[in-house]
Amino acid sequence: MARAVGGEGSLSNDGLSEDRAALALEDLAAGQVYRSASAVIDGAAITAFAAAWDPQPFHLDSAAASASIFGGLAASGWHTACHSMRLFVDGPLRIAGGLVGAGVEQLRWPVPTRPGDILHVETEVLSVRPSASKPDRGLVRIRNVTLNQRGEVAQEMIATLVVPRRDAGGQPAGP
């Protein structure tokens, strides 16, 4: 069973929580769960994003969207991914040196994101291992699940992060 860690920190102007310390590989363990704050998805932002990046009728026009497989206006999956990433970056899992991705193993959007949806991200640490070739870092496999206000999964991503190890003095190792 996963256990909750951290919480919704107070955000500073740069988007990083002021009340959480940067974590190193040794601070992380499989089963830890971190929950982000929430974001409301605006209909105008859905159509603006779609116009710039994914200009399909079901993302741009309510009438066309009503006649589509979605049955109404739906955000691009990439728009949901952008919101998810921002919530993840601003969330309580603060890694020393930043959230450096080594790759994405899975990305899926089981239900569409709609105007007015309220999203948050829950991040579960799946595994933690030191790097075999670089002793100053390790790899952390995570599952990020973006949930809407109804508890439906709007996005699920499994990814690997590169996380620094602590140096001999107990501080996260620098680049």
N, C-alpha and C. Protein backbone atom coordinates (compact mmCIF):
# COMPACT_ATOMS: atom_id res chain seq x y z
N MET A 1 0.85 -1.19 0.00
CA MET A 1 0.00 0.00 0.00
C MET A 1 0.88 1.24 0.00
N ALA A 2 0.52 2.22 -0.81
CA ALA A 2 1.28 3.46 -0.88
C ALA A 2 0.98 4.32 0.34
N ARG A 3 1.97 5.10 0.72
CA ARG A 3 1.76 6.01 1.84
C ARG A 3 1.95 7.44 1.35
N ALA A 4 1.19 8.36 1.93
CA ALA A 4 1.28 9.76 1.51
C ALA A 4 2.49 10.42 2.14
N VAL A 5 3.16 11.23 1.36
CA VAL A 5 4.31 11.98 1.81
C VAL A 5 4.14 13.41 1.34
N GLY A 6 4.57 14.35 2.15
CA GLY A 6 4.50 15.75 1.72
C GLY A 6 3.07 16.22 1.65
N GLY A 7 2.87 17.29 0.96
CA GLY A 7 1.54 17.86 0.83
C GLY A 7 1.59 19.03 -0.08
N GLU A 8 0.60 19.86 0.01
CA GLU A 8 0.53 21.04 -0.84
C GLU A 8 1.29 22.15 -0.15
N GLY A 9 2.50 22.44 -0.60
CA GLY A 9 3.31 23.49 -0.01
C GLY A 9 2.85 24.86 -0.47
N SER A 10 3.31 25.89 0.23
CA SER A 10 3.01 27.25 -0.22
C SER A 10 3.94 27.57 -1.37
N LEU A 11 3.39 28.17 -2.42
CA LEU A 11 4.19 28.43 -3.61
C LEU A 11 4.79 29.82 -3.56
N SER A 12 6.05 29.91 -3.96
CA SER A 12 6.71 31.20 -4.09
C SER A 12 6.49 31.72 -5.50
N ASN A 13 7.01 32.89 -5.78
CA ASN A 13 6.84 33.49 -7.11
C ASN A 13 7.44 32.65 -8.22
N ASP A 14 8.47 31.86 -7.93
CA ASP A 14 9.09 31.04 -8.98
C ASP A 14 8.39 29.70 -9.15
N GLY A 15 7.30 29.48 -8.40
CA GLY A 15 6.54 28.26 -8.54
C GLY A 15 7.02 27.12 -7.66
N LEU A 16 8.16 27.30 -6.98
CA LEU A 16 8.67 26.24 -6.11
C LEU A 16 8.21 26.49 -4.69
N SER A 17 7.88 25.44 -4.01
CA SER A 17 7.43 25.54 -2.64
C SER A 17 8.56 26.03 -1.76
N GLU A 18 8.22 26.94 -0.87
CA GLU A 18 9.22 27.50 0.04
C GLU A 18 9.43 26.63 1.27
N ASP A 19 8.52 25.68 1.51
CA ASP A 19 8.60 24.94 2.76
C ASP A 19 8.98 23.47 2.57
N ARG A 20 9.73 23.16 1.55
CA ARG A 20 10.14 21.79 1.34
C ARG A 20 11.61 21.75 0.92
N ALA A 21 12.32 20.81 1.47
CA ALA A 21 13.74 20.67 1.18
C ALA A 21 13.94 19.85 -0.09
N ALA A 22 15.04 20.13 -0.78
CA ALA A 22 15.37 19.36 -1.97
C ALA A 22 15.78 17.95 -1.56
N LEU A 23 15.29 16.98 -2.29
CA LEU A 23 15.52 15.58 -1.96
C LEU A 23 16.62 14.96 -2.81
N ALA A 24 17.33 14.02 -2.21
CA ALA A 24 18.34 13.24 -2.91
C ALA A 24 17.83 11.80 -3.03
N LEU A 25 18.56 10.98 -3.75
CA LEU A 25 18.16 9.60 -3.99
C LEU A 25 17.87 8.86 -2.67
N GLU A 26 18.70 9.11 -1.68
CA GLU A 26 18.57 8.40 -0.40
C GLU A 26 17.30 8.77 0.36
N ASP A 27 16.64 9.87 -0.01
CA ASP A 27 15.40 10.30 0.64
C ASP A 27 14.16 9.62 0.07
N LEU A 28 14.33 8.92 -1.02
CA LEU A 28 13.18 8.36 -1.74
C LEU A 28 13.11 6.85 -1.56
N ALA A 29 11.87 6.33 -1.52
CA ALA A 29 11.64 4.89 -1.37
C ALA A 29 10.37 4.51 -2.12
N ALA A 30 10.37 3.32 -2.66
CA ALA A 30 9.19 2.81 -3.35
C ALA A 30 7.99 2.89 -2.41
N GLY A 31 6.86 3.33 -2.95
CA GLY A 31 5.63 3.43 -2.18
C GLY A 31 5.31 4.83 -1.70
N GLN A 32 6.28 5.74 -1.70
CA GLN A 32 5.99 7.12 -1.31
C GLN A 32 5.06 7.73 -2.35
N VAL A 33 4.12 8.56 -1.87
CA VAL A 33 3.16 9.23 -2.75
C VAL A 33 3.16 10.72 -2.41
N TYR A 34 3.20 11.54 -3.45
CA TYR A 34 3.20 12.99 -3.32
C TYR A 34 2.01 13.53 -4.09
N ARG A 35 1.25 14.47 -3.48
CA ARG A 35 0.05 15.02 -4.12
C ARG A 35 0.24 16.50 -4.38
N SER A 36 -0.05 16.91 -5.60
CA SER A 36 0.08 18.32 -5.99
C SER A 36 -1.12 19.13 -5.54
N ALA A 37 -1.01 20.42 -5.74
CA ALA A 37 -2.16 21.31 -5.63
C ALA A 37 -3.07 21.04 -6.84
N SER A 38 -4.12 21.81 -7.00
CA SER A 38 -5.08 21.63 -8.09
C SER A 38 -5.05 22.79 -9.06
N ALA A 39 -5.54 22.54 -10.27
CA ALA A 39 -5.68 23.58 -11.29
C ALA A 39 -7.02 23.40 -11.99
N VAL A 40 -7.70 24.51 -12.24
CA VAL A 40 -8.96 24.50 -12.97
C VAL A 40 -8.65 24.71 -14.45
N ILE A 41 -9.25 23.89 -15.30
CA ILE A 41 -9.01 23.96 -16.74
C ILE A 41 -10.06 24.86 -17.39
N ASP A 42 -9.59 25.90 -18.04
CA ASP A 42 -10.44 26.91 -18.64
C ASP A 42 -10.75 26.56 -20.10
N GLY A 43 -12.01 26.71 -20.50
CA GLY A 43 -12.41 26.40 -21.88
C GLY A 43 -11.68 27.24 -22.91
N ALA A 44 -11.48 28.52 -22.63
CA ALA A 44 -10.76 29.38 -23.57
C ALA A 44 -9.31 28.93 -23.72
N ALA A 45 -8.71 28.47 -22.64
CA ALA A 45 -7.33 27.97 -22.70
C ALA A 45 -7.26 26.68 -23.52
N ILE A 46 -8.30 25.85 -23.43
CA ILE A 46 -8.35 24.61 -24.23
C ILE A 46 -8.30 24.96 -25.71
N THR A 47 -9.15 25.89 -26.14
CA THR A 47 -9.20 26.23 -27.56
C THR A 47 -7.95 26.98 -28.00
N ALA A 48 -7.38 27.83 -27.14
CA ALA A 48 -6.15 28.55 -27.49
C ALA A 48 -4.98 27.58 -27.66
N PHE A 49 -4.86 26.63 -26.74
CA PHE A 49 -3.79 25.62 -26.86
C PHE A 49 -3.97 24.83 -28.15
N ALA A 50 -5.20 24.41 -28.40
CA ALA A 50 -5.48 23.61 -29.60
C ALA A 50 -5.18 24.40 -30.87
N ALA A 51 -5.53 25.67 -30.89
CA ALA A 51 -5.27 26.49 -32.08
C ALA A 51 -3.77 26.55 -32.38
N ALA A 52 -2.96 26.59 -31.32
CA ALA A 52 -1.51 26.68 -31.50
C ALA A 52 -0.85 25.33 -31.75
N TRP A 53 -1.35 24.25 -31.11
CA TRP A 53 -0.58 23.01 -31.09
C TRP A 53 -1.31 21.76 -31.56
N ASP A 54 -2.62 21.73 -31.53
CA ASP A 54 -3.36 20.51 -31.89
C ASP A 54 -4.71 20.92 -32.49
N PRO A 55 -4.69 21.58 -33.66
CA PRO A 55 -5.90 22.19 -34.22
C PRO A 55 -6.87 21.20 -34.85
N GLN A 56 -7.53 20.46 -33.98
CA GLN A 56 -8.56 19.52 -34.44
C GLN A 56 -9.93 20.03 -33.97
N PRO A 57 -10.98 19.79 -34.76
CA PRO A 57 -12.30 20.37 -34.45
C PRO A 57 -12.81 20.08 -33.04
N PHE A 58 -12.56 18.89 -32.51
CA PHE A 58 -13.09 18.56 -31.18
C PHE A 58 -12.34 19.26 -30.05
N HIS A 59 -11.21 19.93 -30.37
CA HIS A 59 -10.49 20.75 -29.40
C HIS A 59 -10.77 22.24 -29.60
N LEU A 60 -11.33 22.60 -30.75
CA LEU A 60 -11.47 24.01 -31.12
C LEU A 60 -12.90 24.54 -31.08
N ASP A 61 -13.87 23.69 -31.33
CA ASP A 61 -15.24 24.16 -31.55
C ASP A 61 -16.23 23.26 -30.81
N SER A 62 -17.03 23.88 -29.96
CA SER A 62 -17.99 23.10 -29.15
C SER A 62 -19.00 22.34 -30.00
N ALA A 63 -19.50 22.97 -31.06
CA ALA A 63 -20.49 22.29 -31.91
C ALA A 63 -19.87 21.09 -32.61
N ALA A 64 -18.68 21.28 -33.17
CA ALA A 64 -18.00 20.16 -33.82
C ALA A 64 -17.66 19.08 -32.81
N ALA A 65 -17.26 19.50 -31.63
CA ALA A 65 -16.90 18.54 -30.57
C ALA A 65 -18.11 17.73 -30.14
N SER A 66 -19.29 18.35 -30.11
CA SER A 66 -20.51 17.64 -29.71
C SER A 66 -20.83 16.50 -30.66
N ALA A 67 -20.46 16.67 -31.93
CA ALA A 67 -20.73 15.63 -32.94
C ALA A 67 -19.59 14.62 -33.04
N SER A 68 -18.55 14.78 -32.23
CA SER A 68 -17.39 13.89 -32.29
C SER A 68 -17.52 12.74 -31.29
N ILE A 69 -16.53 11.89 -31.29
CA ILE A 69 -16.46 10.77 -30.34
C ILE A 69 -16.46 11.27 -28.90
N PHE A 70 -16.03 12.52 -28.69
CA PHE A 70 -15.95 13.07 -27.33
C PHE A 70 -17.29 13.58 -26.82
N GLY A 71 -18.22 13.91 -27.71
CA GLY A 71 -19.53 14.39 -27.29
C GLY A 71 -19.49 15.76 -26.64
N GLY A 72 -18.43 16.49 -26.81
CA GLY A 72 -18.28 17.83 -26.24
C GLY A 72 -16.83 18.25 -26.30
N LEU A 73 -16.59 19.52 -26.03
CA LEU A 73 -15.24 20.06 -26.10
C LEU A 73 -14.30 19.29 -25.17
N ALA A 74 -13.16 18.89 -25.71
CA ALA A 74 -12.16 18.12 -24.95
C ALA A 74 -10.80 18.75 -25.18
N ALA A 75 -10.03 18.84 -24.11
CA ALA A 75 -8.66 19.35 -24.22
C ALA A 75 -7.80 18.34 -24.97
N SER A 76 -6.83 18.84 -25.70
CA SER A 76 -5.81 17.97 -26.29
C SER A 76 -5.13 17.20 -25.16
N GLY A 77 -4.77 15.97 -25.43
CA GLY A 77 -4.00 15.22 -24.44
C GLY A 77 -2.71 15.94 -24.08
N TRP A 78 -2.13 16.64 -25.07
CA TRP A 78 -0.89 17.38 -24.81
C TRP A 78 -1.13 18.57 -23.91
N HIS A 79 -2.34 19.16 -23.97
CA HIS A 79 -2.70 20.24 -23.04
C HIS A 79 -2.79 19.68 -21.62
N THR A 80 -3.44 18.52 -21.50
CA THR A 80 -3.51 17.85 -20.19
C THR A 80 -2.10 17.55 -19.70
N ALA A 81 -1.23 17.09 -20.60
CA ALA A 81 0.16 16.79 -20.22
C ALA A 81 0.89 18.04 -19.73
N CYS A 82 0.65 19.17 -20.38
CA CYS A 82 1.29 20.42 -19.95
C CYS A 82 0.83 20.82 -18.55
N HIS A 83 -0.47 20.75 -18.31
CA HIS A 83 -0.98 21.06 -16.96
C HIS A 83 -0.41 20.08 -15.94
N SER A 84 -0.36 18.81 -16.30
CA SER A 84 0.16 17.79 -15.39
C SER A 84 1.61 18.07 -15.04
N MET A 85 2.39 18.45 -16.05
CA MET A 85 3.80 18.75 -15.80
C MET A 85 3.95 19.94 -14.87
N ARG A 86 3.17 20.98 -15.08
CA ARG A 86 3.26 22.16 -14.22
C ARG A 86 2.87 21.81 -12.78
N LEU A 87 1.82 21.03 -12.61
CA LEU A 87 1.41 20.63 -11.27
C LEU A 87 2.50 19.77 -10.61
N PHE A 88 3.14 18.92 -11.40
CA PHE A 88 4.23 18.07 -10.91
C PHE A 88 5.42 18.93 -10.48
N VAL A 89 5.82 19.87 -11.33
CA VAL A 89 6.97 20.74 -11.03
C VAL A 89 6.69 21.60 -9.79
N ASP A 90 5.48 22.11 -9.66
CA ASP A 90 5.13 22.94 -8.52
C ASP A 90 4.80 22.13 -7.27
N GLY A 91 4.70 20.82 -7.41
CA GLY A 91 4.26 19.95 -6.32
C GLY A 91 5.31 19.68 -5.26
N PRO A 92 4.98 18.80 -4.34
CA PRO A 92 5.83 18.57 -3.17
C PRO A 92 7.06 17.70 -3.40
N LEU A 93 7.17 17.02 -4.54
CA LEU A 93 8.35 16.20 -4.82
C LEU A 93 9.42 17.11 -5.42
N ARG A 94 10.24 17.67 -4.56
CA ARG A 94 11.28 18.61 -5.00
C ARG A 94 12.62 17.89 -4.97
N ILE A 95 13.16 17.63 -6.15
CA ILE A 95 14.42 16.91 -6.30
C ILE A 95 15.56 17.92 -6.40
N ALA A 96 16.65 17.65 -5.70
CA ALA A 96 17.84 18.49 -5.81
C ALA A 96 18.27 18.52 -7.27
N GLY A 97 18.50 19.72 -7.79
CA GLY A 97 18.90 19.86 -9.19
C GLY A 97 17.76 19.88 -10.17
N GLY A 98 16.52 19.69 -9.72
CA GLY A 98 15.35 19.75 -10.59
C GLY A 98 14.85 18.38 -11.01
N LEU A 99 13.72 18.38 -11.68
CA LEU A 99 13.09 17.15 -12.15
C LEU A 99 13.65 16.83 -13.54
N VAL A 100 14.69 16.01 -13.55
CA VAL A 100 15.38 15.66 -14.79
C VAL A 100 14.87 14.30 -15.26
N GLY A 101 14.25 14.29 -16.42
CA GLY A 101 13.69 13.06 -16.95
C GLY A 101 14.70 12.28 -17.78
N ALA A 102 14.71 10.96 -17.58
CA ALA A 102 15.53 10.08 -18.41
C ALA A 102 14.68 9.44 -19.51
N GLY A 103 13.37 9.51 -19.36
CA GLY A 103 12.50 8.95 -20.38
C GLY A 103 11.11 8.66 -19.85
N VAL A 104 10.18 8.49 -20.78
CA VAL A 104 8.79 8.15 -20.47
C VAL A 104 8.53 6.77 -21.04
N GLU A 105 8.05 5.91 -20.18
CA GLU A 105 7.77 4.52 -20.55
C GLU A 105 6.33 4.35 -21.02
N GLN A 106 5.42 5.12 -20.43
CA GLN A 106 4.00 5.02 -20.77
C GLN A 106 3.34 6.37 -20.58
N LEU A 107 2.45 6.73 -21.49
CA LEU A 107 1.65 7.94 -21.38
C LEU A 107 0.29 7.64 -21.98
N ARG A 108 -0.77 7.86 -21.18
CA ARG A 108 -2.12 7.58 -21.70
C ARG A 108 -3.12 8.56 -21.10
N TRP A 109 -4.20 8.78 -21.84
CA TRP A 109 -5.26 9.68 -21.43
C TRP A 109 -6.59 8.91 -21.45
N PRO A 110 -6.94 8.24 -20.34
CA PRO A 110 -8.14 7.39 -20.32
C PRO A 110 -9.47 8.14 -20.47
N VAL A 111 -9.58 9.35 -19.93
CA VAL A 111 -10.80 10.15 -20.11
C VAL A 111 -10.39 11.55 -20.55
N PRO A 112 -11.22 12.20 -21.36
CA PRO A 112 -10.87 13.55 -21.80
C PRO A 112 -10.96 14.57 -20.67
N THR A 113 -10.11 15.58 -20.78
CA THR A 113 -10.18 16.73 -19.88
C THR A 113 -11.14 17.74 -20.50
N ARG A 114 -12.05 18.25 -19.68
CA ARG A 114 -13.12 19.13 -20.15
C ARG A 114 -13.00 20.52 -19.52
N PRO A 115 -13.63 21.52 -20.14
CA PRO A 115 -13.65 22.84 -19.51
C PRO A 115 -14.25 22.75 -18.11
N GLY A 116 -13.61 23.39 -17.15
CA GLY A 116 -14.09 23.38 -15.77
C GLY A 116 -13.55 22.24 -14.93
N ASP A 117 -12.89 21.26 -15.56
CA ASP A 117 -12.31 20.17 -14.77
C ASP A 117 -11.25 20.74 -13.81
N ILE A 118 -11.14 20.11 -12.67
CA ILE A 118 -10.14 20.48 -11.66
C ILE A 118 -9.19 19.30 -11.56
N LEU A 119 -7.94 19.53 -11.94
CA LEU A 119 -6.94 18.47 -11.99
C LEU A 119 -5.93 18.59 -10.86
N HIS A 120 -5.47 17.45 -10.38
CA HIS A 120 -4.30 17.39 -9.50
C HIS A 120 -3.51 16.15 -9.88
N VAL A 121 -2.25 16.11 -9.47
CA VAL A 121 -1.35 15.00 -9.81
C VAL A 121 -0.93 14.28 -8.54
N GLU A 122 -1.00 12.96 -8.60
CA GLU A 122 -0.46 12.12 -7.53
C GLU A 122 0.72 11.35 -8.11
N THR A 123 1.87 11.50 -7.46
CA THR A 123 3.11 10.87 -7.91
C THR A 123 3.49 9.78 -6.93
N GLU A 124 3.63 8.57 -7.44
CA GLU A 124 4.06 7.44 -6.62
C GLU A 124 5.46 7.02 -7.06
N VAL A 125 6.34 6.85 -6.08
CA VAL A 125 7.68 6.33 -6.35
C VAL A 125 7.52 4.82 -6.51
N LEU A 126 7.91 4.30 -7.68
CA LEU A 126 7.80 2.87 -7.97
C LEU A 126 9.07 2.11 -7.62
N SER A 127 10.23 2.72 -7.93
CA SER A 127 11.50 2.07 -7.61
C SER A 127 12.60 3.12 -7.55
N VAL A 128 13.63 2.79 -6.79
CA VAL A 128 14.79 3.66 -6.60
C VAL A 128 16.03 2.79 -6.72
N ARG A 129 16.98 3.22 -7.56
CA ARG A 129 18.22 2.45 -7.66
C ARG A 129 19.40 3.36 -8.01
N PRO A 130 20.54 3.11 -7.40
CA PRO A 130 21.74 3.86 -7.76
C PRO A 130 22.15 3.52 -9.19
N SER A 131 22.76 4.47 -9.86
CA SER A 131 23.27 4.23 -11.20
C SER A 131 24.46 3.28 -11.14
N ALA A 132 24.52 2.35 -12.07
CA ALA A 132 25.64 1.41 -12.12
C ALA A 132 26.91 2.07 -12.66
N SER A 133 26.74 3.12 -13.47
CA SER A 133 27.91 3.74 -14.11
C SER A 133 28.26 5.13 -13.59
N LYS A 134 27.32 5.78 -12.89
CA LYS A 134 27.57 7.14 -12.40
C LYS A 134 27.25 7.18 -10.91
N PRO A 135 28.28 7.10 -10.05
CA PRO A 135 28.05 6.98 -8.61
C PRO A 135 27.43 8.20 -7.94
N ASP A 136 27.38 9.35 -8.63
CA ASP A 136 26.82 10.56 -8.03
C ASP A 136 25.30 10.69 -8.23
N ARG A 137 24.68 9.67 -8.86
CA ARG A 137 23.25 9.77 -9.13
C ARG A 137 22.59 8.40 -9.17
N GLY A 138 21.28 8.44 -9.29
CA GLY A 138 20.51 7.21 -9.41
C GLY A 138 19.29 7.45 -10.27
N LEU A 139 18.50 6.40 -10.43
CA LEU A 139 17.29 6.46 -11.24
C LEU A 139 16.08 6.14 -10.38
N VAL A 140 15.06 6.97 -10.52
CA VAL A 140 13.82 6.80 -9.77
C VAL A 140 12.69 6.66 -10.78
N ARG A 141 12.02 5.54 -10.72
CA ARG A 141 10.87 5.28 -11.60
C ARG A 141 9.63 5.74 -10.86
N ILE A 142 8.80 6.54 -11.54
CA ILE A 142 7.60 7.11 -10.91
C ILE A 142 6.37 6.85 -11.77
N ARG A 143 5.22 6.91 -11.11
CA ARG A 143 3.93 6.92 -11.81
C ARG A 143 3.25 8.22 -11.44
N ASN A 144 2.98 9.06 -12.43
CA ASN A 144 2.21 10.28 -12.23
C ASN A 144 0.80 10.04 -12.73
N VAL A 145 -0.17 10.20 -11.86
CA VAL A 145 -1.57 10.05 -12.23
C VAL A 145 -2.25 11.40 -12.05
N THR A 146 -2.82 11.91 -13.13
CA THR A 146 -3.57 13.16 -13.09
C THR A 146 -5.04 12.80 -12.95
N LEU A 147 -5.64 13.30 -11.88
CA LEU A 147 -7.04 13.00 -11.58
C LEU A 147 -7.88 14.25 -11.69
N ASN A 148 -9.13 14.08 -12.14
CA ASN A 148 -10.05 15.21 -12.15
C ASN A 148 -10.86 15.22 -10.85
N GLN A 149 -11.77 16.16 -10.74
CA GLN A 149 -12.55 16.34 -9.51
C GLN A 149 -13.48 15.15 -9.23
N ARG A 150 -13.73 14.30 -10.20
CA ARG A 150 -14.56 13.11 -9.99
C ARG A 150 -13.72 11.88 -9.66
N GLY A 151 -12.40 12.07 -9.57
CA GLY A 151 -11.51 10.95 -9.27
C GLY A 151 -11.18 10.11 -10.49
N GLU A 152 -11.55 10.58 -11.68
CA GLU A 152 -11.25 9.87 -12.91
C GLU A 152 -9.82 10.17 -13.35
N VAL A 153 -9.17 9.18 -13.93
CA VAL A 153 -7.80 9.36 -14.41
C VAL A 153 -7.84 10.07 -15.76
N ALA A 154 -7.34 11.30 -15.78
CA ALA A 154 -7.25 12.07 -17.02
C ALA A 154 -5.95 11.78 -17.76
N GLN A 155 -4.91 11.43 -16.98
CA GLN A 155 -3.62 11.08 -17.58
C GLN A 155 -2.87 10.17 -16.63
N GLU A 156 -2.16 9.21 -17.20
CA GLU A 156 -1.24 8.38 -16.42
C GLU A 156 0.08 8.32 -17.18
N MET A 157 1.16 8.56 -16.45
CA MET A 157 2.48 8.53 -17.06
C MET A 157 3.42 7.76 -16.14
N ILE A 158 4.18 6.87 -16.72
CA ILE A 158 5.26 6.19 -16.00
C ILE A 158 6.56 6.69 -16.61
N ALA A 159 7.43 7.21 -15.76
CA ALA A 159 8.66 7.84 -16.25
C ALA A 159 9.81 7.52 -15.29
N THR A 160 11.01 7.83 -15.75
CA THR A 160 12.21 7.65 -14.94
C THR A 160 12.89 9.01 -14.77
N LEU A 161 13.24 9.33 -13.52
CA LEU A 161 13.94 10.57 -13.19
C LEU A 161 15.40 10.26 -12.85
N VAL A 162 16.27 11.19 -13.16
CA VAL A 162 17.67 11.13 -12.74
C VAL A 162 17.76 11.97 -11.47
N VAL A 163 18.20 11.34 -10.37
CA VAL A 163 18.22 12.00 -9.06
C VAL A 163 19.62 11.93 -8.47
N PRO A 164 20.16 13.07 -7.98
CA PRO A 164 21.49 13.05 -7.39
C PRO A 164 21.53 12.27 -6.07
N ARG A 165 22.68 11.68 -5.81
CA ARG A 165 22.92 11.02 -4.51
C ARG A 165 23.56 12.04 -3.58
N ARG A 166 23.54 11.75 -2.30
CA ARG A 166 24.20 12.61 -1.33
C ARG A 166 25.71 12.39 -1.40
N ASP A 167 26.47 13.48 -1.17
CA ASP A 167 27.92 13.35 -1.13
C ASP A 167 28.32 12.90 0.27
N ALA A 168 29.60 12.76 0.52
CA ALA A 168 30.11 12.29 1.81
C ALA A 168 29.68 13.20 2.97
N GLY A 169 29.43 14.49 2.67
CA GLY A 169 29.01 15.42 3.70
C GLY A 169 27.52 15.44 3.93
N GLY A 170 26.77 14.58 3.24
CA GLY A 170 25.33 14.49 3.44
C GLY A 170 24.52 15.42 2.57
N GLN A 171 25.19 16.19 1.69
CA GLN A 171 24.48 17.12 0.81
C GLN A 171 24.26 16.47 -0.56
N PRO A 172 23.17 16.83 -1.26
CA PRO A 172 23.00 16.33 -2.62
C PRO A 172 24.21 16.70 -3.46
N ALA A 173 24.73 15.75 -4.21
CA ALA A 173 25.90 16.00 -5.05
C ALA A 173 25.53 16.95 -6.18
N GLY A 174 26.43 17.84 -6.53
CA GLY A 174 26.19 18.80 -7.61
C GLY A 174 26.64 18.23 -8.94
N PRO A 175 26.30 18.94 -10.02
CA PRO A 175 26.70 18.47 -11.35
C PRO A 175 28.20 18.57 -11.57
